[in-house]
Amino acid sequence: MSVGKVFSTHGEREKFTMSPRPKKSRRCEGKVCCKAFKPTGISMPELKQITMYRDELEVLRLCDYEGLFQEQAGEKMGVSRGTVQRILTSARKKTAEALSTGAAIVFEDSQ
């Protein structure tokens, strides 16, 4: 936690700023099939590229492909159900955008 000085019309007071919690490591067992997934017939430089991180792909695999509940997926990955829900929402949105607009999904190991 860092301390700074804030000045106002009522005088000087201390302001505390908090750092975010460190990111918990996430267990990802699934293999990435390739570096990117894109529409055929269009080269990568011509396409919008959407980055999908390894944990997003893992949550999609566990929940949507394997049919696990979010709580079960969280146990496998070592994170809370709430974290799984946030990651899953992000991954589904990126997938829907790529499929709807013809964008490429580029896979990356970590965020």
Protein backbone atom coordinates (compact mmCIF):
# COMPACT_ATOMS: atom_id res chain seq x y z
CA MET A 1 0.00 0.00 0.00
CA SER A 2 1.42 3.39 -0.89
CA VAL A 3 0.74 6.69 0.83
CA GLY A 4 0.37 10.02 -0.91
CA LYS A 5 -0.72 13.51 0.08
CA VAL A 6 -4.01 14.93 -1.15
CA PHE A 7 -4.74 18.63 -0.85
CA SER A 8 -8.27 19.93 -0.55
CA THR A 9 -10.03 23.08 0.62
CA HIS A 10 -10.19 21.52 4.08
CA GLY A 11 -6.43 21.02 4.38
CA GLU A 12 -4.01 18.21 3.77
CA ARG A 13 -4.88 14.56 4.31
CA GLU A 14 -3.29 11.22 3.46
CA LYS A 15 -4.62 9.10 0.64
CA PHE A 16 -3.98 5.37 0.53
CA THR A 17 -3.91 3.52 -2.77
CA MET A 18 -4.22 -0.23 -2.84
CA SER A 19 -2.50 -2.55 -5.26
CA PRO A 20 -4.62 -5.28 -6.87
CA ARG A 21 -4.29 -8.81 -5.54
CA PRO A 22 -1.72 -10.93 -7.35
CA LYS A 23 -3.22 -13.16 -10.04
CA LYS A 24 -3.73 -16.75 -8.86
CA SER A 25 -2.17 -19.35 -11.15
CA ARG A 26 -4.69 -21.38 -13.13
CA ARG A 27 -4.25 -25.03 -14.03
CA CYS A 28 -4.85 -25.61 -17.74
CA GLU A 29 -4.69 -29.22 -18.90
CA GLY A 30 -6.07 -28.97 -22.44
CA LYS A 31 -3.78 -28.68 -25.44
CA VAL A 32 -3.99 -25.77 -27.87
CA CYS A 33 -4.55 -27.17 -31.36
CA CYS A 34 -2.83 -24.33 -33.20
CA LYS A 35 -1.70 -20.71 -32.88
CA ALA A 36 -4.86 -19.29 -34.43
CA PHE A 37 -8.31 -20.21 -35.71
CA LYS A 38 -9.50 -18.20 -38.71
CA PRO A 39 -11.85 -18.21 -41.70
CA THR A 40 -10.44 -19.94 -44.78
CA GLY A 41 -9.41 -18.01 -47.86
CA ILE A 42 -8.42 -14.79 -46.08
CA SER A 43 -4.86 -14.14 -44.94
CA MET A 44 -4.18 -13.22 -41.31
CA PRO A 45 -3.04 -9.62 -41.98
CA GLU A 46 -6.44 -8.88 -43.56
CA LEU A 47 -8.43 -10.15 -40.56
CA LYS A 48 -9.30 -8.58 -37.24
CA GLN A 49 -7.48 -10.65 -34.61
CA ILE A 50 -9.08 -11.45 -31.26
CA THR A 51 -6.75 -12.73 -28.53
CA MET A 52 -7.99 -15.70 -26.51
CA TYR A 53 -5.90 -16.62 -23.49
CA ARG A 54 -5.17 -20.18 -22.39
CA ASP A 55 -7.44 -19.98 -19.33
CA GLU A 56 -10.36 -18.80 -21.51
CA LEU A 57 -9.91 -21.74 -23.87
CA GLU A 58 -9.62 -24.13 -20.90
CA VAL A 59 -12.87 -22.86 -19.36
CA LEU A 60 -14.67 -23.23 -22.71
CA ARG A 61 -13.35 -26.78 -22.99
CA LEU A 62 -14.36 -27.76 -19.46
CA CYS A 63 -17.80 -26.10 -19.34
CA ASP A 64 -19.04 -26.18 -22.92
CA TYR A 65 -17.25 -29.20 -24.41
CA GLU A 66 -16.93 -31.52 -21.40
CA GLY A 67 -20.16 -30.29 -19.79
CA LEU A 68 -18.80 -29.58 -16.32
CA PHE A 69 -20.55 -27.17 -14.01
CA GLN A 70 -18.68 -23.93 -13.28
CA GLU A 71 -17.90 -25.07 -9.74
CA GLN A 72 -16.37 -28.33 -11.03
CA ALA A 73 -14.34 -26.43 -13.64
CA GLY A 74 -13.10 -24.09 -10.91
CA GLU A 75 -11.96 -27.03 -8.79
CA LYS A 76 -10.03 -28.49 -11.75
CA MET A 77 -8.40 -25.13 -12.51
CA GLY A 78 -7.76 -24.14 -8.90
CA VAL A 79 -9.94 -21.00 -9.00
CA SER A 80 -13.33 -19.96 -7.63
CA ARG A 81 -16.64 -20.45 -9.42
CA GLY A 82 -16.93 -16.67 -9.75
CA THR A 83 -13.59 -16.50 -11.54
CA VAL A 84 -14.70 -19.29 -13.89
CA GLN A 85 -17.89 -17.35 -14.62
CA ARG A 86 -15.97 -14.18 -15.50
CA ILE A 87 -13.49 -16.07 -17.70
CA LEU A 88 -16.31 -18.01 -19.41
CA THR A 89 -18.28 -14.84 -20.15
CA SER A 90 -15.21 -13.27 -21.75
CA ALA A 91 -14.38 -16.40 -23.78
CA ARG A 92 -17.94 -16.80 -25.07
CA LYS A 93 -18.10 -13.15 -26.08
CA LYS A 94 -14.82 -13.40 -27.99
CA THR A 95 -15.93 -16.62 -29.70
CA ALA A 96 -19.30 -15.15 -30.70
CA GLU A 97 -17.63 -12.00 -32.04
CA ALA A 98 -15.14 -14.00 -34.11
CA LEU A 99 -17.83 -16.28 -35.56
CA SER A 100 -20.24 -13.39 -36.26
CA THR A 101 -17.75 -11.03 -37.85
CA GLY A 102 -15.32 -13.44 -39.48
CA ALA A 103 -12.42 -12.47 -37.23
CA ALA A 104 -9.46 -14.68 -36.33
CA ILE A 105 -8.97 -16.05 -32.81
CA VAL A 106 -5.31 -15.94 -31.82
CA PHE A 107 -4.31 -18.16 -28.86
CA GLU A 108 -1.85 -16.89 -26.26
CA ASP A 109 -0.45 -18.64 -23.19
CA SER A 110 -1.05 -16.03 -20.49
CA GLN A 111 -2.49 -12.62 -19.86
